[in-house]
Protein backbone atom coordinates (compact mmCIF):
# COMPACT_ATOMS: atom_id res chain seq x y z
CA MET A 1 -3.41 32.47 1.82
CA TRP A 2 -2.56 28.74 2.74
CA ARG A 3 -3.85 27.50 -0.98
CA ALA A 4 -1.09 29.80 -2.44
CA LEU A 5 1.66 27.99 0.36
CA LEU A 6 0.43 24.45 -0.18
CA LEU A 7 2.07 25.08 -3.80
CA VAL A 8 5.46 25.72 -2.35
CA THR A 9 5.57 23.29 0.67
CA LEU A 10 3.30 21.40 -0.33
CA PHE A 11 1.28 7.28 21.73
CA THR A 12 -0.81 6.22 24.43
CA GLN A 13 -0.35 2.29 23.90
CA ALA A 14 -3.59 0.75 23.26
CA PRO A 15 -3.33 -2.88 25.69
CA VAL A 16 -2.02 -5.73 24.18
CA ALA A 17 -4.28 -7.98 22.98
CA ALA A 18 -3.70 -11.76 23.22
CA GLY A 19 -4.38 -13.84 20.09
CA LEU A 20 -6.38 -17.09 19.87
CA GLU A 21 -4.03 -19.88 22.24
CA LEU A 22 -3.56 -22.89 20.11
CA SER A 23 -2.64 -25.88 21.07
CA PRO A 24 0.18 -27.74 19.56
CA GLY A 25 -2.40 -29.99 17.72
CA GLU A 26 -4.33 -27.01 16.43
CA ALA A 27 -1.46 -24.77 15.69
CA ALA A 28 -0.48 -27.69 12.77
CA GLY A 29 -3.76 -28.03 11.73
CA ARG A 30 -3.76 -24.33 11.12
CA ARG A 31 -0.43 -24.33 8.76
CA ILE A 32 -2.82 -27.77 7.31
CA TYR A 33 -5.26 -25.27 6.73
CA LEU A 34 -3.42 -22.04 5.39
CA GLU A 35 -0.38 -23.79 3.85
CA GLY A 36 -1.18 -27.35 3.03
CA VAL A 37 2.05 -28.12 5.11
CA GLY A 38 1.88 -31.56 7.63
CA SER A 39 3.03 -32.08 10.36
CA ALA A 40 7.04 -32.01 10.66
CA ASN A 41 6.49 -30.37 7.29
CA GLY A 42 5.20 -33.58 6.14
CA GLU A 43 4.03 -33.60 2.64
CA ILE A 44 0.47 -33.49 2.03
CA SER A 45 -1.08 -34.38 -1.15
CA ALA A 46 -4.23 -33.49 -3.54
CA ARG A 47 -6.32 -35.68 -6.01
CA VAL A 48 -7.30 -33.34 -8.24
CA GLY A 49 -10.25 -33.72 -11.12
CA ALA A 50 -11.46 -37.26 -12.18
CA ALA A 51 -8.47 -38.21 -13.12
CA ASP A 52 -7.36 -37.89 -9.61
CA THR A 53 -4.09 -35.69 -10.89
CA LEU A 54 -1.83 -35.86 -8.04
CA VAL A 55 -0.47 -32.58 -6.97
CA PRO A 56 1.09 -31.13 -3.62
CA ALA A 57 -1.58 -29.93 -1.34
CA THR A 58 0.62 -26.22 -1.29
CA VAL A 59 -0.46 -25.86 -4.45
CA MET A 60 -4.03 -25.34 -3.21
CA PRO A 61 -4.19 -25.66 0.50
CA CYS A 62 -7.73 -25.37 1.95
CA ALA A 63 -7.53 -21.35 2.60
CA ASN A 64 -7.39 -20.92 -1.26
CA CYS A 65 -11.33 -22.22 -1.59
CA HIS A 66 -12.64 -21.36 1.79
CA GLY A 67 -10.87 -18.84 2.72
CA ALA A 68 -8.80 -17.76 5.84
CA ASP A 69 -12.11 -17.75 8.07
CA GLY A 70 -13.38 -20.73 6.67
CA ARG A 71 -16.47 -18.72 5.15
CA GLY A 72 -16.04 -19.52 1.21
CA ARG A 73 -14.71 -17.55 -0.99
CA PRO A 74 -16.89 -17.00 -4.73
CA GLU A 75 -14.07 -18.02 -7.24
CA GLY A 76 -14.55 -19.02 -11.41
CA GLY A 77 -18.13 -19.65 -10.92
CA VAL A 78 -17.69 -21.89 -7.44
CA ARG A 79 -19.02 -21.01 -4.51
CA PRO A 80 -17.24 -23.08 -1.53
CA PRO A 81 -19.68 -24.11 1.48
CA ASP A 82 -18.97 -22.29 4.84
CA ILE A 83 -16.66 -24.92 6.87
CA THR A 84 -16.90 -23.69 10.17
CA TRP A 85 -17.68 -26.29 12.55
CA ARG A 86 -20.59 -24.61 14.26
CA ARG A 87 -22.33 -25.12 10.53
CA LEU A 88 -20.39 -28.08 9.55
CA SER A 89 -21.80 -29.95 12.85
CA ARG A 90 -25.79 -28.31 12.44
CA PRO A 91 -27.51 -31.07 14.82
CA TYR A 92 -29.98 -30.74 12.11
CA GLY A 93 -27.77 -31.60 9.46
CA GLN A 94 -27.97 -28.94 5.47
CA VAL A 95 -29.91 -29.02 2.54
CA GLN A 96 -28.08 -27.49 -0.31
CA ALA A 97 -28.42 -25.14 -2.75
CA ASN A 98 -28.68 -27.97 -5.56
CA GLY A 99 -31.26 -30.25 -3.28
CA ARG A 100 -29.05 -32.86 -2.13
CA SER A 101 -29.42 -33.17 1.93
CA HIS A 102 -27.08 -34.73 4.74
CA GLY A 103 -26.55 -35.35 8.59
CA PRO A 104 -24.36 -33.43 10.79
CA TYR A 105 -20.67 -33.81 10.46
CA ASP A 106 -18.67 -36.00 13.29
CA GLU A 107 -14.68 -35.93 13.17
CA GLY A 108 -15.25 -39.37 11.39
CA ALA A 109 -17.99 -37.47 8.32
CA LEU A 110 -15.22 -34.92 7.83
CA ALA A 111 -12.12 -37.32 7.50
CA ARG A 112 -14.33 -38.82 4.54
CA ALA A 113 -15.51 -35.49 3.21
CA VAL A 114 -11.43 -34.55 3.14
CA SER A 115 -9.88 -37.53 1.71
CA GLU A 116 -12.65 -38.97 -0.62
CA GLY A 117 -15.03 -36.10 -1.19
CA ARG A 118 -18.42 -37.41 0.38
CA ASP A 119 -20.51 -35.85 2.23
CA PRO A 120 -22.57 -36.93 5.58
CA ALA A 121 -24.72 -39.11 3.30
CA GLY A 122 -22.49 -40.41 1.13
CA ASN A 123 -22.82 -38.07 -1.49
CA ARG A 124 -20.16 -37.16 -4.21
CA LEU A 125 -19.22 -33.12 -3.17
CA ASP A 126 -18.56 -30.48 -5.89
CA PRO A 127 -15.92 -31.93 -8.39
CA ALA A 128 -14.09 -28.89 -8.05
CA MET A 129 -13.49 -30.57 -4.43
CA PRO A 130 -9.76 -32.11 -4.38
CA ARG A 131 -9.47 -35.06 -2.01
CA PHE A 132 -6.39 -34.94 0.36
CA VAL A 133 -3.93 -37.24 1.14
CA MET A 134 -2.33 -37.16 4.67
CA SER A 135 -1.66 -39.19 7.80
CA LEU A 136 -4.23 -40.02 10.57
CA ARG A 137 -2.51 -37.53 13.04
CA ASP A 138 -2.73 -34.62 10.31
CA MET A 139 -6.28 -35.44 9.76
CA ALA A 140 -6.87 -35.17 13.62
CA ASN A 141 -4.62 -32.06 13.95
CA LEU A 142 -6.73 -30.47 10.80
CA THR A 143 -9.82 -31.43 12.49
CA ALA A 144 -8.79 -29.82 15.64
CA TYR A 145 -8.12 -26.52 13.95
CA LEU A 146 -11.29 -26.86 12.19
CA LYS A 147 -13.24 -26.66 15.66
CA ARG A 148 -11.45 -23.72 16.59
CA LEU A 149 -11.52 -22.33 13.21
CA GLU A 150 -14.46 -19.46 13.86
CA ASP A 151 -12.61 -18.15 16.85
CA ASP A 152 -9.50 -17.09 14.94
CA ASP A 153 -9.82 -13.70 13.92
CA ASP A 154 -6.68 -12.14 12.96
CA PRO A 155 -4.49 -9.96 15.45
CA GLY A 156 -6.01 -6.28 16.52
CA VAL A 157 -9.83 -7.47 15.84
CA GLN A 158 -11.79 -7.36 19.36
CA ASP A 159 -15.53 -7.05 19.69
CA ALA A 160 -15.51 -3.59 20.25
CA GLU A 161 -12.22 -2.35 19.48
CA LEU A 162 -10.14 -3.05 16.21
CA ARG A 163 -6.31 -2.20 16.91
CA LEU A 164 -3.98 -0.21 13.72
CA GLY A 165 -0.39 0.68 13.77
CA THR A 166 1.87 2.93 12.68
CA LEU A 167 5.85 3.35 12.94
CA LEU A 168 6.39 7.47 13.09
CA PRO A 169 9.88 9.13 14.59
CA THR A 170 8.99 11.08 18.26
CA GLN A 171 13.08 12.30 18.30
CA GLY A 172 15.57 13.84 16.16
CA PRO A 173 15.69 15.63 12.82
CA LEU A 174 12.25 14.15 11.59
CA ALA A 175 10.23 14.04 14.72
CA GLU A 176 8.48 17.41 13.56
CA LEU A 177 7.17 15.31 10.68
CA GLY A 178 6.22 12.44 12.63
CA HIS A 179 4.70 14.38 14.95
CA THR A 180 2.28 16.13 12.11
CA VAL A 181 1.73 12.60 10.94
CA GLU A 182 0.59 11.19 14.44
CA ALA A 183 -1.90 14.18 14.71
CA VAL A 184 -3.51 13.98 11.65
CA LEU A 185 -4.04 10.36 12.12
CA ARG A 186 -5.36 10.66 15.69
CA GLY A 187 -7.55 13.48 14.41
CA ALA A 188 -8.82 11.21 11.26
CA LEU A 189 -9.54 8.18 13.60
CA ALA A 190 -11.17 10.28 16.20
CA GLN A 191 -13.92 11.48 13.66
CA VAL A 192 -14.50 8.10 12.63
CA ASN A 193 -14.97 6.90 16.05
CA GLU A 194 -17.23 9.91 17.23
CA ALA A 195 -19.29 8.97 13.81
CA GLY A 196 -20.01 5.59 15.57
CA GLY A 197 -16.86 3.48 14.43
CA ILE A 198 -17.10 1.21 12.04
CA HIS A 199 -19.62 -1.87 12.19
CA GLY A 200 -19.85 -1.28 15.88
CA ARG A 201 -15.88 -0.95 16.23
CA GLN A 202 -13.67 2.22 17.59
CA LEU A 203 -10.59 2.04 15.68
CA SER A 204 -7.64 2.61 18.01
CA LEU A 205 -3.99 3.77 16.99
CA VAL A 206 -0.71 2.15 18.57
CA VAL A 207 2.71 4.49 17.62
CA ARG A 208 6.04 3.23 18.12
CA ASP A 209 8.99 4.83 17.64
CA PRO A 210 11.03 3.28 14.69
CA GLY A 211 14.76 5.24 16.04
CA MET A 212 17.54 6.23 13.43
CA ASP A 213 18.15 3.33 12.06
CA ARG A 214 17.37 -0.35 10.44
CA GLN A 215 17.84 -2.40 13.36
CA SER A 216 16.03 0.03 16.03
CA THR A 217 13.28 0.51 12.91
CA LYS A 218 12.99 -3.47 12.54
CA ARG A 219 12.73 -3.75 16.06
CA ALA A 220 9.89 -1.27 16.45
CA LEU A 221 8.39 -3.60 13.57
CA GLU A 222 8.24 -6.39 15.40
CA GLN A 223 7.21 -5.03 18.54
CA LEU A 224 3.91 -3.51 16.14
CA LEU A 225 3.08 -7.06 15.01
CA GLY A 226 4.24 -9.30 18.09
CA ASP A 227 3.59 -7.46 21.13
CA ASP A 228 0.90 -5.06 20.11
CA GLN A 229 -1.10 -6.98 17.34
CA VAL A 230 -1.92 -4.81 14.77
CA PHE A 231 -4.45 -6.17 12.33
CA ALA A 232 -2.78 -3.13 9.60
CA LEU A 233 -0.54 -0.62 9.35
CA MET A 234 -1.04 3.06 7.66
CA ALA A 235 1.07 5.72 6.94
CA PRO A 236 4.36 4.99 8.62
CA LEU A 237 7.56 7.56 8.10
CA VAL A 238 10.37 5.17 8.32
CA PRO A 239 13.29 6.47 5.67
CA ALA A 240 15.63 3.88 7.15
CA LEU A 241 13.62 0.79 5.69
CA ASP A 242 12.22 2.81 2.66
CA GLY A 243 12.19 -0.19 -0.28
CA ASP A 244 12.51 -3.10 2.83
CA LEU A 245 9.59 -2.10 4.09
CA ALA A 246 6.69 -3.86 1.92
CA GLU A 247 8.77 -7.10 2.07
CA LEU A 248 8.82 -7.10 5.47
CA THR A 249 5.43 -6.52 5.86
CA GLY A 250 4.32 -8.93 3.01
CA LYS A 251 6.14 -11.57 4.45
CA ALA A 252 4.43 -11.49 7.87
CA GLY A 253 0.90 -10.82 5.80
CA VAL A 254 0.18 -7.83 7.02
CA PRO A 255 -1.81 -5.10 5.10
CA LEU A 256 0.21 -1.37 4.73
CA VAL A 257 -2.07 1.27 3.74
CA GLY A 258 -0.73 4.65 2.61
CA PRO A 259 3.02 4.39 3.72
CA LEU A 260 5.04 7.61 3.65
CA ALA A 261 8.30 6.92 2.45
CA LEU A 262 10.19 9.92 1.64
CA PHE A 263 12.01 8.15 -1.50
CA ASP A 264 8.95 5.82 -2.91
CA GLU A 265 9.74 3.01 -5.50
CA THR A 266 7.26 0.45 -6.78
CA THR A 267 6.77 -2.59 -4.98
CA SER A 268 5.22 -6.60 -5.65
CA ASN A 269 3.42 -7.03 -2.49
CA PRO A 270 -0.42 -7.05 -2.89
CA LEU A 271 -0.50 -5.88 0.31
CA VAL A 272 0.55 -2.53 -0.33
CA PHE A 273 -2.18 0.34 -0.60
CA ASN A 274 -0.48 3.51 -2.06
CA ALA A 275 -3.64 6.52 -1.97
CA LEU A 276 -0.91 9.26 -3.58
CA PRO A 277 1.57 9.12 -6.20
CA GLY A 278 4.94 8.20 -5.55
CA LEU A 279 8.57 9.95 -6.70
CA ARG A 280 8.02 7.61 -9.67
CA GLU A 281 4.48 7.75 -10.83
CA GLN A 282 5.60 11.60 -11.20
CA MET A 283 8.36 11.54 -12.64
CA PHE A 284 6.42 9.29 -15.18
CA ALA A 285 3.54 11.66 -15.28
CA LEU A 286 6.58 14.70 -16.15
CA ALA A 287 7.97 12.33 -19.25
CA GLY A 288 4.60 12.06 -20.14
CA TYR A 289 3.66 15.53 -20.38
CA ALA A 290 7.05 16.33 -22.07
CA THR A 291 6.65 13.74 -24.63
CA SER A 292 2.91 15.20 -25.73
CA ASP A 293 2.31 18.79 -24.84
CA LEU A 294 5.80 20.47 -25.67
CA GLY A 295 6.08 19.84 -29.27
CA LEU A 296 9.77 18.41 -29.24
CA HIS A 297 10.94 16.51 -32.54
CA GLN A 298 13.29 13.86 -31.58
CA PRO A 299 14.34 14.85 -28.30
CA GLU A 300 17.26 14.63 -26.30
CA ALA A 301 17.15 14.11 -22.00
CA VAL A 302 19.56 13.99 -19.49
CA VAL A 303 18.43 12.06 -16.42
CA ALA A 304 20.30 13.55 -13.03
CA TYR A 305 20.06 11.36 -9.84
CA PRO A 306 22.04 11.15 -6.81
CA ASP A 307 24.55 8.24 -7.21
CA ASP A 308 22.96 5.76 -4.78
CA ALA A 309 21.34 2.37 -6.09
CA ARG A 310 17.73 2.96 -5.52
CA GLN A 311 17.57 6.39 -7.26
CA GLN A 312 20.00 5.08 -10.01
CA ALA A 313 17.05 2.33 -10.76
CA LEU A 314 14.28 4.86 -10.79
CA ALA A 315 16.64 7.20 -13.22
CA GLU A 316 16.82 3.73 -15.38
CA ALA A 317 13.59 3.46 -15.55
CA LEU A 318 12.50 6.91 -16.27
CA ALA A 319 15.05 6.28 -19.29
CA LEU A 320 13.37 3.42 -20.66
CA ARG A 321 10.02 5.33 -20.38
CA LEU A 322 11.41 8.37 -22.09
CA MET A 323 12.80 6.55 -24.90
CA ASP A 324 9.79 4.11 -25.06
CA GLN A 325 7.98 7.54 -25.36
CA GLY A 326 10.28 8.35 -28.71
CA TRP A 327 13.13 10.41 -27.27
CA ALA A 328 15.84 10.21 -29.10
CA ARG A 329 18.44 9.88 -26.85
CA VAL A 330 18.74 10.10 -23.33
CA ARG A 331 22.06 10.27 -20.81
CA LEU A 332 21.82 9.27 -17.18
CA LEU A 333 24.13 11.18 -14.92
CA GLY A 334 24.68 10.25 -11.16
CA TYR A 335 25.84 13.18 -9.17
CA ASP A 336 27.43 12.79 -5.80
CA ALA A 337 24.85 14.19 -3.41
CA ALA A 338 27.93 15.07 -0.68
CA HIS A 339 29.27 17.43 -3.30
CA THR A 340 26.69 19.13 -5.53
CA ASP A 341 29.53 21.76 -7.02
CA ALA A 342 30.62 18.90 -9.81
CA PRO A 343 30.05 20.66 -12.91
CA LEU A 344 26.90 19.42 -13.92
CA GLY A 345 25.94 22.06 -16.30
CA HIS A 346 28.23 21.21 -19.31
CA ALA A 347 26.96 17.64 -19.05
CA ALA A 348 23.38 18.61 -19.83
CA LYS A 349 24.63 20.27 -23.37
CA GLY A 350 22.53 19.10 -26.18
CA ALA A 351 19.56 18.10 -24.46
CA GLN A 352 15.94 20.17 -24.54
CA GLY A 353 14.61 18.54 -21.05
CA VAL A 354 16.46 17.39 -17.81
CA PHE A 355 14.61 15.30 -15.51
CA PHE A 356 15.97 15.82 -12.02
CA LEU A 357 16.13 13.58 -9.55
CA GLY A 358 17.41 14.92 -5.57
CA GLN A 359 16.63 17.98 -3.10
CA SER A 360 16.40 21.26 -3.17
CA GLU A 361 19.93 22.40 -3.10
CA ALA A 362 21.87 20.38 -5.83
CA PHE A 363 18.77 21.66 -8.05
CA ALA A 364 19.47 25.10 -7.36
CA GLN A 365 23.09 24.81 -8.07
CA LEU A 366 22.34 22.50 -11.16
CA ALA A 367 19.93 25.51 -12.28
CA ASP A 368 23.05 27.80 -11.88
CA GLN A 369 25.53 25.53 -13.59
CA LEU A 370 23.30 25.00 -16.60
CA GLN A 371 22.82 29.08 -16.74
CA ALA A 372 26.88 29.67 -16.44
CA ALA A 373 27.52 26.88 -19.61
CA ASP A 374 24.52 29.19 -21.43
CA LEU A 375 22.17 26.56 -21.93
CA SER A 376 18.17 26.71 -21.08
CA PRO A 377 16.98 22.90 -21.53
CA TYR A 378 13.05 22.71 -20.13
CA LEU A 379 13.65 21.36 -16.03
CA PHE A 380 11.33 18.38 -14.75
CA ALA A 381 11.42 17.63 -11.40
CA ALA A 382 8.80 16.68 -8.32
CA SER A 383 7.69 19.47 -6.00
CA ALA A 384 8.39 17.39 -2.99
CA GLN A 385 12.07 17.54 -3.97
CA VAL A 386 12.66 20.91 -4.95
CA ALA A 387 9.54 23.32 -4.34
CA SER A 388 11.59 25.05 -1.77
CA SER A 389 14.38 26.50 -4.12
CA ALA A 390 12.04 26.13 -7.49
CA LEU A 391 11.70 30.38 -7.28
CA ARG A 392 15.67 30.89 -6.63
CA ILE A 393 16.90 29.83 -9.92
CA PRO A 394 17.82 31.67 -12.94
CA GLN A 395 15.12 33.66 -14.50
CA ARG A 396 15.99 32.14 -17.76
CA PHE A 397 14.12 28.94 -16.92
CA SER A 398 11.15 30.63 -16.41
CA GLY A 399 7.74 29.02 -18.38
CA ARG A 400 10.91 26.26 -18.97
CA LEU A 401 10.26 24.94 -15.55
CA PHE A 402 7.77 21.85 -14.88
CA LEU A 403 7.09 20.55 -10.81
CA ALA A 404 4.79 17.55 -10.38
CA TYR A 405 2.24 17.53 -7.47
CA PRO A 406 0.22 14.88 -5.86
CA PHE A 407 -2.73 16.90 -5.58
CA MET A 408 -3.81 20.67 -5.72
CA PRO A 409 -6.18 22.64 -3.98
CA ALA A 410 -8.51 22.71 -6.81
CA ASP A 411 -8.64 18.79 -5.95
CA TRP A 412 -10.54 19.81 -2.52
CA THR A 413 -14.29 19.23 -1.95
CA PRO A 414 -15.56 21.52 0.68
CA GLU A 415 -16.41 18.59 2.56
CA GLY A 416 -12.92 17.37 2.81
CA GLU A 417 -11.46 20.92 3.39
CA ALA A 418 -13.40 21.02 6.47
CA ALA A 419 -12.39 17.66 7.78
CA LEU A 420 -9.05 18.39 7.66
CA LEU A 421 -9.18 22.10 8.87
CA ALA A 422 -11.43 20.68 11.82
CA ILE A 423 -8.29 18.37 12.31
CA ARG A 424 -6.13 21.13 12.22
CA ARG A 425 -8.26 22.90 14.80
CA SER A 426 -8.42 19.70 17.39
CA GLN A 427 -4.58 18.62 16.61
CA GLY A 428 -3.67 22.34 17.08
CA LEU A 429 -1.76 21.89 13.59
CA GLY A 430 -1.31 24.87 11.09
CA GLY A 431 -0.24 23.96 7.41
CA GLN A 432 2.79 22.86 7.81
CA HIS A 433 3.59 19.85 5.77
CA ALA A 434 0.67 19.24 3.88
CA VAL A 435 1.51 16.82 1.71
CA LEU A 436 2.15 14.39 4.67
CA GLN A 437 -1.13 15.71 6.15
CA VAL A 438 -3.07 14.76 2.98
CA GLY A 439 -1.53 11.48 2.53
CA ALA A 440 -2.00 10.34 6.58
CA TYR A 441 -5.76 11.64 5.58
CA CYS A 442 -5.97 9.50 2.39
CA ALA A 443 -4.37 6.31 4.50
CA VAL A 444 -7.11 6.48 7.36
CA ALA A 445 -10.11 7.69 4.76
CA LEU A 446 -8.99 4.36 2.61
CA LEU A 447 -8.69 2.23 5.15
CA SER A 448 -11.88 3.09 6.71
CA GLU A 449 -13.45 2.61 3.30
CA GLY A 450 -12.04 -0.70 3.01
CA LEU A 451 -12.84 -1.95 5.90
CA LYS A 452 -16.77 -1.23 5.84
CA ARG A 453 -16.66 -3.14 2.56
CA ALA A 454 -14.77 -5.73 4.29
CA GLY A 455 -17.76 -6.32 6.91
CA ARG A 456 -18.63 -7.13 10.52
CA GLU A 457 -16.43 -10.51 10.11
CA ALA A 458 -13.35 -8.48 9.30
CA SER A 459 -9.84 -10.31 8.20
CA ARG A 460 -6.87 -9.17 6.61
CA GLU A 461 -7.98 -11.09 4.05
CA LYS A 462 -11.32 -9.20 3.40
CA LEU A 463 -9.56 -5.78 3.59
CA VAL A 464 -7.05 -6.22 1.33
CA SER A 465 -10.11 -7.72 -1.34
CA ALA A 466 -11.78 -4.74 -0.47
CA LEU A 467 -9.12 -2.19 -1.32
CA GLU A 468 -8.48 -3.75 -4.35
CA GLY A 469 -11.91 -3.44 -5.49
CA LEU A 470 -12.05 0.69 -4.88
CA HIS A 471 -12.67 2.76 -8.12
CA GLY A 472 -13.41 5.87 -7.97
CA PHE A 473 -13.07 6.38 -4.49
CA HIS A 474 -13.25 10.12 -3.51
CA THR A 475 -11.17 11.56 -0.53
CA GLY A 476 -12.51 14.71 -0.62
CA LEU A 477 -8.62 16.00 -1.07
CA THR A 478 -7.21 14.73 -3.99
CA PRO A 479 -8.61 13.32 -7.14
CA ALA A 480 -10.70 10.09 -6.99
CA LEU A 481 -8.37 7.15 -6.21
CA GLU A 482 -8.73 3.92 -8.84
CA PHE A 483 -7.30 0.62 -7.31
CA GLY A 484 -7.59 -3.07 -9.01
CA PRO A 485 -6.15 -6.27 -9.55
CA GLY A 486 -2.15 -5.34 -9.93
CA GLN A 487 -3.06 -1.80 -9.40
CA ARG A 488 -2.01 -0.42 -6.04
CA VAL A 489 -1.43 3.26 -6.40
CA GLY A 490 -4.34 4.94 -6.30
CA LEU A 491 -3.20 8.09 -7.57
CA ALA A 492 -1.35 6.97 -10.42
CA GLY A 493 0.17 10.24 -12.13
CA ALA A 494 0.51 13.76 -11.06
CA HIS A 495 -0.58 17.44 -11.78
CA ILE A 496 1.75 19.63 -13.83
CA VAL A 497 2.81 22.79 -12.65
CA THR A 498 5.18 25.38 -14.32
CA VAL A 499 6.89 28.38 -12.48
CA ASP A 500 7.05 32.13 -13.72
CA LEU A 501 10.17 33.28 -12.14
CA TYR A 502 9.70 37.01 -13.37
CA GLY A 503 6.00 36.86 -11.16
CA GLN A 504 7.64 34.41 -8.33
CA SER A 505 4.61 32.32 -8.85
CA PHE A 506 3.16 28.89 -10.16
CA ARG A 507 0.66 28.25 -12.49
CA PRO A 508 -0.92 25.20 -13.04
CA LEU A 509 -1.59 23.46 -15.86
CA GLY A 510 -5.12 22.01 -15.61
CA ARG A 511 -5.00 18.71 -16.10
CA PHE A 512 -3.94 15.36 -13.97
CA VAL A 513 -1.70 13.47 -16.08
CA LYS A 514 -2.01 9.83 -15.69
CA VAL A 515 0.50 7.09 -15.99
CA ASP A 516 -0.02 3.29 -16.13
CA THR A 517 2.05 1.50 -12.97
CA ARG A 518 0.13 -1.84 -12.93
CA LEU A 519 2.19 -4.91 -11.29
């Protein structure tokens, strides 16, 4: 029974960890290492190549090649060496892969390597290594920081614990949704921890209530990133910051996995990984299905949307997608979501398809108005927005209404279903808010897999790299997730379901429609 219902309805605060405390000089050295910016914002230059071409160090700071952890990151066939101080200062020196050997580095030898490109024995370093031009003060600061680099872990990383955070409403009209998401997150993390955690660490969760407005939400986010020192955010539900959360976390350099926005939009932030498709991907999937499967000739469409800037931007993007796919004419129809009795039906005259953005009541009224105008276009909408009214619209739209779903019960493996049902039992949950439950579960699964691949020496940079490299990742509750360079939506597309209004049932059409949403 719960499978059928799915088609219709689809803090205890953790102790605060102090980060690595750096002296003013070490902190200045950290900025040189990560950003290429000298003390008092002084300019540092880098000489590049045999011609000693001079460029700002901000273009190629040390961390670009050696990584935020100093252990080197292969790129373009070059493997930059590990420059942590413990390795540089080995008393017996080093023998490189090419047979070149040298003694240990000290402060003077390091300065020579950085400024002249020579090791302690006077051998030339790899030609790919820039030679930096900086003041003695900046050189001393950089050296001081390199001595602490190995201990400068990202926030939230301890020997036996890795701290994660989320923003979920605990009061007000969205409190029930917040409770459901928190319960799934805690249950899924408990399953990971009971299995031994990840690389010897237990995963803990800090939950902050974002409140009801933008200011309170921003304060809660600042507390998570500042006071609570969380490593990453997962599955936050913050409608007050829809569209802005990705920008704020991006500026802070914090990975964000599985945001549960009530209104999703694409983001260019490479630190954000979405497990489930947003509204954009689902509407684009409907457009793809309508274009390829309905056999329409030179069709016209109407895109109806609530009259606000974000939904208008999505409506315009959808209209462009339809025209690119060969629709002869696409009209935009904005409406006042507070007054949905406006005569929208006649505005759809001549359209074979109406693509709807908005909520259930407005959708039901639109369908009634279309019937009153004796119009029967195909209707397209995201299930999360209109499923609760889908069975109440006029029967003339039977077989002509198509809904997008991010996943279907058929996607669930026995293992995935058992894991989610175990979480529901342990947390006292039913099947309510199924999309949020699956979204939260997938966020934990995705983040856990990324941490496994990042290794014991976990960093935000390594996590992002690991997540970007996930291909064909199975959550047990969705089709396989696919990420890659520029691809931050793991499930880009949707299942298409038609509605039998006479039989009061939903009929999946049997395939997942993929869309291209690369950045």
